[in-house]
Amino acid sequence: MSNEHIKNTLLAAIGNIKENPAGAKVVFRASTRLGDGMHCLGKVRDFPDMSIDEPADLGGTDHGPNPVEIVLVALGTCQEIVYRAYAAVLGIELESVKCDLRGYIDLRGLFGMQDGVPAGFQKIIFETEVKSSASREDLQKLAQIVEKHCPVLNTLQAPVEVLGNVVINGQPMALEATA
């Protein structure tokens, strides 16, 4: 897909939002279900099911990445997509964009072994490598824009309201507030 096509598509979307600001509010959906053992299947739109599992040393059969690895993939691919989108709009040619990510978790939080240890990531480190013939100044401007507007990075950095409920055998269960 050409940068010109991406640029025109995004500028058309921006124009539509300017004409109809309510159209800016969208909902993305996914569903998941537990299979055998630790293996799960995730469904998004009309794509084939995604296979999600744990490695053998965490009780799984290693039939796919685990959920926290998918968070890392989501961050890296979101960075790359936002680089492509803004580069197209700004007229910057990209040769390549690649992200390497590391997420640090203390398993004592997952296993409830120590109070005060979070179950999730304590730190995520990413390095995005951009190759382009554009000027360093233009690429620095692009990087600043991406860091400010990457939805997954923003989701990980800012508190997000997460609401949920549990239904047990057809009956809703009251959940205590956790925050």
N, C-alpha and C. Protein backbone atom coordinates (compact mmCIF):
# COMPACT_ATOMS: atom_id res chain seq x y z
N MET A 1 0.86 -1.17 0.00
CA MET A 1 0.00 0.00 0.00
C MET A 1 0.91 1.24 0.00
N SER A 2 0.61 2.17 -0.84
CA SER A 2 1.47 3.34 -0.99
C SER A 2 1.22 4.36 0.11
N ASN A 3 2.26 5.16 0.35
CA ASN A 3 2.11 6.26 1.32
C ASN A 3 1.01 7.21 0.90
N GLU A 4 0.86 7.43 -0.39
CA GLU A 4 -0.16 8.35 -0.89
C GLU A 4 -1.56 7.82 -0.55
N HIS A 5 -1.76 6.52 -0.72
CA HIS A 5 -3.05 5.91 -0.38
C HIS A 5 -3.32 6.04 1.12
N ILE A 6 -2.31 5.73 1.94
CA ILE A 6 -2.45 5.85 3.39
C ILE A 6 -2.78 7.30 3.76
N LYS A 7 -2.02 8.24 3.20
CA LYS A 7 -2.24 9.66 3.47
C LYS A 7 -3.67 10.07 3.11
N ASN A 8 -4.10 9.72 1.92
CA ASN A 8 -5.45 10.11 1.47
C ASN A 8 -6.53 9.48 2.34
N THR A 9 -6.36 8.24 2.71
CA THR A 9 -7.33 7.56 3.57
C THR A 9 -7.42 8.23 4.92
N LEU A 10 -6.27 8.52 5.53
CA LEU A 10 -6.25 9.15 6.85
C LEU A 10 -6.78 10.58 6.80
N LEU A 11 -6.42 11.33 5.78
CA LEU A 11 -6.94 12.70 5.67
C LEU A 11 -8.45 12.70 5.44
N ALA A 12 -8.96 11.71 4.71
CA ALA A 12 -10.41 11.58 4.53
C ALA A 12 -11.08 11.26 5.87
N ALA A 13 -10.47 10.38 6.66
CA ALA A 13 -11.02 10.06 7.98
C ALA A 13 -11.02 11.30 8.87
N ILE A 14 -9.95 12.07 8.84
CA ILE A 14 -9.87 13.30 9.64
C ILE A 14 -10.94 14.28 9.19
N GLY A 15 -11.12 14.42 7.88
CA GLY A 15 -12.16 15.29 7.35
C GLY A 15 -13.55 14.86 7.80
N ASN A 16 -13.81 13.56 7.77
CA ASN A 16 -15.11 13.04 8.23
C ASN A 16 -15.34 13.35 9.70
N ILE A 17 -14.30 13.23 10.51
CA ILE A 17 -14.43 13.52 11.95
C ILE A 17 -14.68 15.00 12.17
N LYS A 18 -14.03 15.85 11.39
CA LYS A 18 -14.27 17.30 11.52
C LYS A 18 -15.71 17.64 11.19
N GLU A 19 -16.27 16.97 10.18
CA GLU A 19 -17.66 17.22 9.80
C GLU A 19 -18.65 16.60 10.78
N ASN A 20 -18.27 15.48 11.39
CA ASN A 20 -19.14 14.76 12.32
C ASN A 20 -18.32 14.31 13.53
N PRO A 21 -18.10 15.22 14.50
CA PRO A 21 -17.25 14.89 15.65
C PRO A 21 -17.70 13.65 16.42
N ALA A 22 -18.99 13.35 16.43
CA ALA A 22 -19.47 12.15 17.13
C ALA A 22 -18.90 10.89 16.50
N GLY A 23 -18.53 10.95 15.24
CA GLY A 23 -17.95 9.81 14.54
C GLY A 23 -16.55 9.46 15.03
N ALA A 24 -15.96 10.30 15.85
CA ALA A 24 -14.62 10.03 16.38
C ALA A 24 -14.65 8.96 17.47
N LYS A 25 -15.80 8.75 18.05
CA LYS A 25 -15.93 7.78 19.15
C LYS A 25 -16.23 6.41 18.56
N VAL A 26 -15.30 5.50 18.67
CA VAL A 26 -15.46 4.16 18.11
C VAL A 26 -15.27 3.11 19.20
N VAL A 27 -15.75 1.93 18.96
CA VAL A 27 -15.61 0.82 19.89
C VAL A 27 -14.95 -0.33 19.15
N PHE A 28 -13.86 -0.84 19.69
CA PHE A 28 -13.22 -2.03 19.17
C PHE A 28 -13.66 -3.20 20.04
N ARG A 29 -13.85 -4.36 19.44
CA ARG A 29 -14.37 -5.51 20.17
C ARG A 29 -13.47 -6.72 19.96
N ALA A 30 -13.45 -7.57 20.96
CA ALA A 30 -12.78 -8.85 20.89
C ALA A 30 -13.50 -9.81 21.82
N SER A 31 -13.38 -11.08 21.56
CA SER A 31 -13.91 -12.07 22.48
C SER A 31 -12.87 -13.18 22.61
N THR A 32 -12.88 -13.83 23.75
CA THR A 32 -11.93 -14.91 24.00
C THR A 32 -12.66 -16.06 24.67
N ARG A 33 -12.05 -17.24 24.57
CA ARG A 33 -12.61 -18.39 25.28
C ARG A 33 -11.48 -19.34 25.65
N LEU A 34 -11.64 -19.96 26.81
CA LEU A 34 -10.66 -20.91 27.31
C LEU A 34 -10.86 -22.24 26.61
N GLY A 35 -9.77 -22.81 26.13
CA GLY A 35 -9.79 -24.14 25.53
C GLY A 35 -9.24 -25.16 26.51
N ASP A 36 -8.46 -26.10 26.00
CA ASP A 36 -7.85 -27.12 26.85
C ASP A 36 -6.67 -26.54 27.62
N GLY A 37 -6.54 -26.93 28.87
CA GLY A 37 -5.42 -26.47 29.69
C GLY A 37 -5.38 -24.96 29.78
N MET A 38 -4.25 -24.38 29.45
CA MET A 38 -4.07 -22.92 29.49
C MET A 38 -4.30 -22.28 28.12
N HIS A 39 -4.60 -23.10 27.11
CA HIS A 39 -4.77 -22.61 25.75
C HIS A 39 -6.08 -21.84 25.62
N CYS A 40 -6.03 -20.67 25.02
CA CYS A 40 -7.22 -19.84 24.79
C CYS A 40 -7.28 -19.47 23.32
N LEU A 41 -8.46 -19.09 22.89
CA LEU A 41 -8.65 -18.60 21.53
C LEU A 41 -9.22 -17.20 21.60
N GLY A 42 -8.67 -16.30 20.80
CA GLY A 42 -9.14 -14.93 20.74
C GLY A 42 -9.75 -14.65 19.38
N LYS A 43 -10.84 -13.91 19.38
CA LYS A 43 -11.54 -13.61 18.14
C LYS A 43 -11.67 -12.10 17.99
N VAL A 44 -11.24 -11.59 16.84
CA VAL A 44 -11.36 -10.18 16.49
C VAL A 44 -11.90 -10.10 15.08
N ARG A 45 -12.99 -9.35 14.92
CA ARG A 45 -13.66 -9.20 13.62
C ARG A 45 -13.81 -10.56 12.94
N ASP A 46 -13.51 -10.65 11.65
CA ASP A 46 -13.68 -11.90 10.91
C ASP A 46 -12.37 -12.64 10.70
N PHE A 47 -11.36 -12.31 11.51
CA PHE A 47 -10.07 -12.97 11.38
C PHE A 47 -10.12 -14.36 12.00
N PRO A 48 -9.25 -15.27 11.55
CA PRO A 48 -9.19 -16.59 12.20
C PRO A 48 -8.85 -16.43 13.68
N ASP A 49 -9.27 -17.39 14.48
CA ASP A 49 -8.98 -17.34 15.91
C ASP A 49 -7.48 -17.21 16.15
N MET A 50 -7.13 -16.39 17.15
CA MET A 50 -5.74 -16.27 17.58
C MET A 50 -5.51 -17.30 18.67
N SER A 51 -4.38 -17.97 18.61
CA SER A 51 -4.02 -18.98 19.59
C SER A 51 -3.16 -18.33 20.67
N ILE A 52 -3.63 -18.40 21.91
CA ILE A 52 -2.92 -17.80 23.04
C ILE A 52 -2.71 -18.90 24.07
N ASP A 53 -1.51 -19.02 24.59
CA ASP A 53 -1.18 -20.10 25.51
C ASP A 53 -0.05 -19.63 26.42
N GLU A 54 0.28 -20.43 27.37
CA GLU A 54 1.42 -20.17 28.24
C GLU A 54 2.55 -21.12 27.85
N PRO A 55 3.79 -20.71 28.14
CA PRO A 55 4.90 -21.65 27.91
C PRO A 55 4.77 -22.82 28.88
N ALA A 56 5.46 -23.90 28.55
CA ALA A 56 5.37 -25.12 29.36
C ALA A 56 5.73 -24.87 30.83
N ASP A 57 6.73 -24.01 31.08
CA ASP A 57 7.14 -23.78 32.47
C ASP A 57 6.13 -22.97 33.28
N LEU A 58 5.05 -22.51 32.63
CA LEU A 58 3.95 -21.85 33.35
C LEU A 58 2.64 -22.63 33.17
N GLY A 59 2.76 -23.92 32.84
CA GLY A 59 1.60 -24.80 32.80
C GLY A 59 0.93 -24.93 31.46
N GLY A 60 1.43 -24.28 30.43
CA GLY A 60 0.80 -24.33 29.12
C GLY A 60 1.43 -25.35 28.21
N THR A 61 1.01 -25.32 26.96
CA THR A 61 1.55 -26.22 25.94
C THR A 61 2.27 -25.44 24.84
N ASP A 62 2.43 -24.15 25.05
CA ASP A 62 3.21 -23.29 24.14
C ASP A 62 2.67 -23.31 22.71
N HIS A 63 1.33 -23.27 22.57
CA HIS A 63 0.70 -23.24 21.24
C HIS A 63 0.52 -21.81 20.72
N GLY A 64 1.06 -20.84 21.43
CA GLY A 64 0.97 -19.45 21.00
C GLY A 64 1.59 -18.56 22.05
N PRO A 65 1.68 -17.28 21.73
CA PRO A 65 2.21 -16.34 22.72
C PRO A 65 1.27 -16.24 23.90
N ASN A 66 1.79 -15.81 25.05
CA ASN A 66 0.91 -15.62 26.20
C ASN A 66 0.37 -14.19 26.19
N PRO A 67 -0.62 -13.91 27.03
CA PRO A 67 -1.26 -12.59 27.00
C PRO A 67 -0.31 -11.41 27.19
N VAL A 68 0.68 -11.55 28.07
CA VAL A 68 1.57 -10.40 28.28
C VAL A 68 2.51 -10.20 27.10
N GLU A 69 2.84 -11.29 26.41
CA GLU A 69 3.62 -11.14 25.18
C GLU A 69 2.79 -10.43 24.11
N ILE A 70 1.50 -10.69 24.09
CA ILE A 70 0.62 -10.01 23.14
C ILE A 70 0.54 -8.52 23.45
N VAL A 71 0.59 -8.15 24.73
CA VAL A 71 0.65 -6.72 25.08
C VAL A 71 1.90 -6.09 24.48
N LEU A 72 3.03 -6.78 24.58
CA LEU A 72 4.27 -6.25 23.99
C LEU A 72 4.15 -6.12 22.48
N VAL A 73 3.58 -7.15 21.84
CA VAL A 73 3.37 -7.10 20.39
C VAL A 73 2.44 -5.95 20.04
N ALA A 74 1.38 -5.76 20.83
CA ALA A 74 0.44 -4.67 20.57
C ALA A 74 1.16 -3.32 20.62
N LEU A 75 2.02 -3.13 21.61
CA LEU A 75 2.76 -1.88 21.71
C LEU A 75 3.69 -1.69 20.52
N GLY A 76 4.45 -2.70 20.19
CA GLY A 76 5.40 -2.58 19.07
C GLY A 76 4.70 -2.33 17.75
N THR A 77 3.67 -3.09 17.47
CA THR A 77 2.99 -2.91 16.19
C THR A 77 2.23 -1.60 16.13
N CYS A 78 1.72 -1.14 17.27
CA CYS A 78 1.04 0.16 17.29
C CYS A 78 2.04 1.27 16.99
N GLN A 79 3.22 1.18 17.57
CA GLN A 79 4.27 2.17 17.27
C GLN A 79 4.55 2.18 15.77
N GLU A 80 4.74 1.00 15.19
CA GLU A 80 5.08 0.92 13.78
C GLU A 80 3.97 1.48 12.89
N ILE A 81 2.73 1.17 13.23
CA ILE A 81 1.59 1.66 12.46
C ILE A 81 1.46 3.18 12.56
N VAL A 82 1.65 3.71 13.76
CA VAL A 82 1.53 5.16 13.94
C VAL A 82 2.70 5.87 13.24
N TYR A 83 3.88 5.26 13.25
CA TYR A 83 4.99 5.83 12.46
C TYR A 83 4.59 5.89 10.99
N ARG A 84 4.05 4.78 10.45
CA ARG A 84 3.67 4.74 9.04
C ARG A 84 2.61 5.79 8.74
N ALA A 85 1.61 5.89 9.60
CA ALA A 85 0.50 6.82 9.36
C ALA A 85 0.99 8.27 9.35
N TYR A 86 1.71 8.68 10.38
CA TYR A 86 2.15 10.07 10.44
C TYR A 86 3.22 10.38 9.39
N ALA A 87 4.08 9.39 9.10
CA ALA A 87 5.08 9.61 8.05
C ALA A 87 4.39 9.85 6.72
N ALA A 88 3.35 9.09 6.43
CA ALA A 88 2.62 9.27 5.17
C ALA A 88 2.00 10.66 5.10
N VAL A 89 1.37 11.08 6.18
CA VAL A 89 0.71 12.39 6.19
C VAL A 89 1.75 13.52 6.07
N LEU A 90 2.91 13.33 6.71
CA LEU A 90 3.95 14.37 6.68
C LEU A 90 4.85 14.27 5.44
N GLY A 91 4.64 13.27 4.60
CA GLY A 91 5.46 13.13 3.40
C GLY A 91 6.86 12.60 3.68
N ILE A 92 7.02 11.81 4.73
CA ILE A 92 8.32 11.24 5.08
C ILE A 92 8.35 9.79 4.60
N GLU A 93 9.35 9.46 3.79
CA GLU A 93 9.50 8.09 3.32
C GLU A 93 10.22 7.28 4.39
N LEU A 94 9.66 6.13 4.72
CA LEU A 94 10.29 5.24 5.68
C LEU A 94 10.84 4.02 4.95
N GLU A 95 12.08 3.68 5.25
CA GLU A 95 12.66 2.45 4.72
C GLU A 95 12.20 1.28 5.58
N SER A 96 12.25 1.45 6.90
CA SER A 96 11.79 0.41 7.82
C SER A 96 11.56 0.99 9.21
N VAL A 97 10.71 0.30 9.96
CA VAL A 97 10.48 0.60 11.37
C VAL A 97 10.40 -0.74 12.08
N LYS A 98 11.15 -0.88 13.16
CA LYS A 98 11.21 -2.14 13.90
C LYS A 98 11.25 -1.84 15.38
N CYS A 99 10.49 -2.58 16.16
CA CYS A 99 10.48 -2.42 17.62
C CYS A 99 10.98 -3.69 18.29
N ASP A 100 11.85 -3.51 19.26
CA ASP A 100 12.26 -4.59 20.16
C ASP A 100 11.77 -4.19 21.54
N LEU A 101 11.11 -5.13 22.21
CA LEU A 101 10.46 -4.81 23.49
C LEU A 101 10.81 -5.86 24.53
N ARG A 102 10.87 -5.40 25.77
CA ARG A 102 11.05 -6.29 26.92
C ARG A 102 10.07 -5.86 28.00
N GLY A 103 9.40 -6.82 28.59
CA GLY A 103 8.49 -6.54 29.69
C GLY A 103 8.94 -7.31 30.91
N TYR A 104 8.99 -6.63 32.04
CA TYR A 104 9.49 -7.23 33.27
C TYR A 104 8.35 -7.49 34.24
N ILE A 105 8.20 -8.76 34.64
CA ILE A 105 7.15 -9.18 35.56
C ILE A 105 7.80 -9.96 36.69
N ASP A 106 7.32 -9.73 37.89
CA ASP A 106 7.71 -10.52 39.06
C ASP A 106 6.60 -11.54 39.27
N LEU A 107 6.88 -12.81 39.03
CA LEU A 107 5.85 -13.85 39.10
C LEU A 107 5.26 -14.02 40.49
N ARG A 108 5.90 -13.47 41.52
CA ARG A 108 5.30 -13.54 42.85
C ARG A 108 3.97 -12.79 42.89
N GLY A 109 3.81 -11.75 42.06
CA GLY A 109 2.53 -11.04 41.98
C GLY A 109 1.46 -11.89 41.33
N LEU A 110 1.78 -12.54 40.22
CA LEU A 110 0.84 -13.43 39.54
C LEU A 110 0.37 -14.54 40.47
N PHE A 111 1.29 -15.13 41.20
CA PHE A 111 0.97 -16.27 42.06
C PHE A 111 0.50 -15.87 43.45
N GLY A 112 0.34 -14.56 43.71
CA GLY A 112 -0.14 -14.10 45.01
C GLY A 112 0.78 -14.44 46.16
N MET A 113 2.06 -14.44 45.91
CA MET A 113 3.03 -14.86 46.91
C MET A 113 3.51 -13.74 47.81
N GLN A 114 3.34 -12.49 47.37
CA GLN A 114 3.85 -11.38 48.17
C GLN A 114 2.96 -10.16 47.97
N ASP A 115 2.43 -9.64 49.07
CA ASP A 115 1.62 -8.43 48.99
C ASP A 115 2.45 -7.29 48.44
N GLY A 116 1.80 -6.45 47.66
CA GLY A 116 2.47 -5.27 47.12
C GLY A 116 3.22 -5.52 45.82
N VAL A 117 3.32 -6.76 45.39
CA VAL A 117 3.97 -7.06 44.11
C VAL A 117 2.87 -7.13 43.06
N PRO A 118 2.90 -6.25 42.07
CA PRO A 118 1.84 -6.27 41.05
C PRO A 118 1.86 -7.55 40.22
N ALA A 119 0.69 -7.96 39.74
CA ALA A 119 0.58 -9.15 38.91
C ALA A 119 1.07 -8.88 37.49
N GLY A 120 1.03 -7.64 37.06
CA GLY A 120 1.39 -7.29 35.70
C GLY A 120 2.80 -6.75 35.57
N PHE A 121 3.04 -6.15 34.43
CA PHE A 121 4.36 -5.59 34.15
C PHE A 121 4.73 -4.54 35.19
N GLN A 122 5.98 -4.59 35.60
CA GLN A 122 6.53 -3.55 36.45
C GLN A 122 7.28 -2.52 35.61
N LYS A 123 7.73 -2.98 34.46
CA LYS A 123 8.45 -2.08 33.56
C LYS A 123 8.41 -2.68 32.16
N ILE A 124 8.26 -1.81 31.19
CA ILE A 124 8.37 -2.19 29.78
C ILE A 124 9.41 -1.27 29.15
N ILE A 125 10.33 -1.86 28.43
CA ILE A 125 11.35 -1.09 27.71
C ILE A 125 11.22 -1.43 26.23
N PHE A 126 11.16 -0.39 25.40
CA PHE A 126 11.12 -0.64 23.96
C PHE A 126 12.13 0.24 23.26
N GLU A 127 12.60 -0.27 22.15
CA GLU A 127 13.49 0.48 21.28
C GLU A 127 12.92 0.39 19.88
N THR A 128 12.63 1.54 19.32
CA THR A 128 12.09 1.60 17.97
C THR A 128 13.20 2.09 17.05
N GLU A 129 13.51 1.28 16.06
CA GLU A 129 14.54 1.65 15.10
C GLU A 129 13.87 2.10 13.81
N VAL A 130 14.16 3.33 13.41
CA VAL A 130 13.59 3.91 12.20
C VAL A 130 14.71 4.12 11.20
N LYS A 131 14.50 3.63 9.98
CA LYS A 131 15.46 3.88 8.90
C LYS A 131 14.75 4.68 7.82
N SER A 132 15.37 5.80 7.45
CA SER A 132 14.77 6.70 6.47
C SER A 132 15.83 7.64 5.94
N SER A 133 15.62 8.11 4.74
CA SER A 133 16.53 9.10 4.16
C SER A 133 16.12 10.52 4.57
N ALA A 134 15.04 10.66 5.31
CA ALA A 134 14.59 11.99 5.76
C ALA A 134 15.62 12.59 6.71
N SER A 135 15.53 13.90 6.91
CA SER A 135 16.48 14.57 7.81
C SER A 135 16.27 14.12 9.25
N ARG A 136 17.32 14.19 10.03
CA ARG A 136 17.24 13.83 11.45
C ARG A 136 16.18 14.69 12.14
N GLU A 137 16.12 15.96 11.78
CA GLU A 137 15.13 16.87 12.37
C GLU A 137 13.71 16.40 12.08
N ASP A 138 13.43 16.02 10.84
CA ASP A 138 12.09 15.52 10.49
C ASP A 138 11.77 14.23 11.22
N LEU A 139 12.76 13.35 11.36
CA LEU A 139 12.52 12.08 12.04
C LEU A 139 12.36 12.27 13.54
N GLN A 140 13.06 13.24 14.12
CA GLN A 140 12.85 13.54 15.54
C GLN A 140 11.45 14.09 15.78
N LYS A 141 10.99 14.95 14.87
CA LYS A 141 9.62 15.47 14.96
C LYS A 141 8.61 14.33 14.85
N LEU A 142 8.85 13.42 13.91
CA LEU A 142 7.97 12.27 13.73
C LEU A 142 7.96 11.41 15.00
N ALA A 143 9.12 11.15 15.57
CA ALA A 143 9.20 10.33 16.78
C ALA A 143 8.42 10.97 17.93
N GLN A 144 8.53 12.28 18.08
CA GLN A 144 7.79 12.97 19.14
C GLN A 144 6.28 12.86 18.94
N ILE A 145 5.85 12.98 17.70
CA ILE A 145 4.42 12.85 17.39
C ILE A 145 3.95 11.43 17.72
N VAL A 146 4.72 10.43 17.32
CA VAL A 146 4.33 9.04 17.56
C VAL A 146 4.24 8.76 19.06
N GLU A 147 5.23 9.21 19.81
CA GLU A 147 5.22 8.97 21.26
C GLU A 147 4.00 9.62 21.91
N LYS A 148 3.55 10.71 21.36
CA LYS A 148 2.40 11.43 21.93
C LYS A 148 1.07 10.81 21.50
N HIS A 149 1.01 10.17 20.32
CA HIS A 149 -0.27 9.74 19.77
C HIS A 149 -0.43 8.23 19.57
N CYS A 150 0.49 7.43 20.06
CA CYS A 150 0.37 5.98 19.94
C CYS A 150 -0.68 5.48 20.95
N PRO A 151 -1.82 4.94 20.49
CA PRO A 151 -2.88 4.54 21.42
C PRO A 151 -2.47 3.47 22.44
N VAL A 152 -1.70 2.49 22.04
CA VAL A 152 -1.32 1.45 22.99
C VAL A 152 -0.34 2.00 24.02
N LEU A 153 0.61 2.81 23.60
CA LEU A 153 1.52 3.43 24.56
C LEU A 153 0.74 4.28 25.54
N ASN A 154 -0.20 5.07 25.03
CA ASN A 154 -1.03 5.89 25.91
C ASN A 154 -1.84 5.03 26.88
N THR A 155 -2.39 3.93 26.40
CA THR A 155 -3.18 3.04 27.25
C THR A 155 -2.32 2.47 28.38
N LEU A 156 -1.07 2.13 28.08
CA LEU A 156 -0.18 1.58 29.10
C LEU A 156 0.31 2.64 30.09
N GLN A 157 0.41 3.89 29.64
CA GLN A 157 0.97 4.94 30.49
C GLN A 157 -0.06 5.66 31.33
N ALA A 158 -1.30 5.73 30.86
CA ALA A 158 -2.32 6.52 31.55
C ALA A 158 -3.34 5.60 32.22
N PRO A 159 -3.85 6.01 33.36
CA PRO A 159 -4.91 5.20 33.98
C PRO A 159 -6.11 5.11 33.03
N VAL A 160 -6.63 3.91 32.86
CA VAL A 160 -7.77 3.66 31.99
C VAL A 160 -8.86 3.01 32.83
N GLU A 161 -10.07 3.51 32.70
CA GLU A 161 -11.18 2.88 33.41
C GLU A 161 -11.45 1.52 32.78
N VAL A 162 -11.39 0.49 33.59
CA VAL A 162 -11.68 -0.86 33.14
C VAL A 162 -12.82 -1.38 34.01
N LEU A 163 -13.93 -1.70 33.38
CA LEU A 163 -15.09 -2.21 34.10
C LEU A 163 -15.32 -3.65 33.68
N GLY A 164 -15.81 -4.45 34.58
CA GLY A 164 -16.07 -5.84 34.22
C GLY A 164 -17.07 -6.45 35.16
N ASN A 165 -17.56 -7.60 34.77
CA ASN A 165 -18.42 -8.37 35.65
C ASN A 165 -18.17 -9.84 35.37
N VAL A 166 -18.57 -10.66 36.32
CA VAL A 166 -18.41 -12.10 36.20
C VAL A 166 -19.80 -12.71 36.32
N VAL A 167 -20.10 -13.64 35.43
CA VAL A 167 -21.37 -14.37 35.47
C VAL A 167 -21.02 -15.83 35.74
N ILE A 168 -21.52 -16.35 36.86
CA ILE A 168 -21.22 -17.73 37.25
C ILE A 168 -22.49 -18.56 37.08
N ASN A 169 -22.42 -19.53 36.19
CA ASN A 169 -23.57 -20.40 35.92
C ASN A 169 -24.84 -19.59 35.67
N GLY A 170 -24.70 -18.54 34.88
CA GLY A 170 -25.85 -17.73 34.49
C GLY A 170 -26.25 -16.65 35.49
N GLN A 171 -25.57 -16.59 36.62
CA GLN A 171 -25.91 -15.60 37.66
C GLN A 171 -24.78 -14.58 37.80
N PRO A 172 -25.10 -13.28 37.70
CA PRO A 172 -24.06 -12.27 37.92
C PRO A 172 -23.51 -12.35 39.34
N MET A 173 -22.24 -12.10 39.46
CA MET A 173 -21.57 -12.08 40.75
C MET A 173 -21.15 -10.65 41.04
N ALA A 174 -21.41 -10.16 42.22
CA ALA A 174 -20.97 -8.81 42.59
C ALA A 174 -19.46 -8.83 42.82
N LEU A 175 -18.76 -7.91 42.17
CA LEU A 175 -17.32 -7.78 42.36
C LEU A 175 -17.03 -6.62 43.29
N GLU A 176 -16.09 -6.81 44.16
CA GLU A 176 -15.66 -5.71 45.02
C GLU A 176 -14.76 -4.79 44.22
N ALA A 177 -14.82 -3.49 44.55
CA ALA A 177 -13.95 -2.53 43.88
C ALA A 177 -12.51 -2.89 44.18
N THR A 178 -11.64 -2.85 43.15
CA THR A 178 -10.24 -3.21 43.34
C THR A 178 -9.31 -2.02 43.31
N ALA A 179 -9.81 -0.86 42.94
CA ALA A 179 -8.91 0.29 42.83
C ALA A 179 -8.98 1.19 44.03
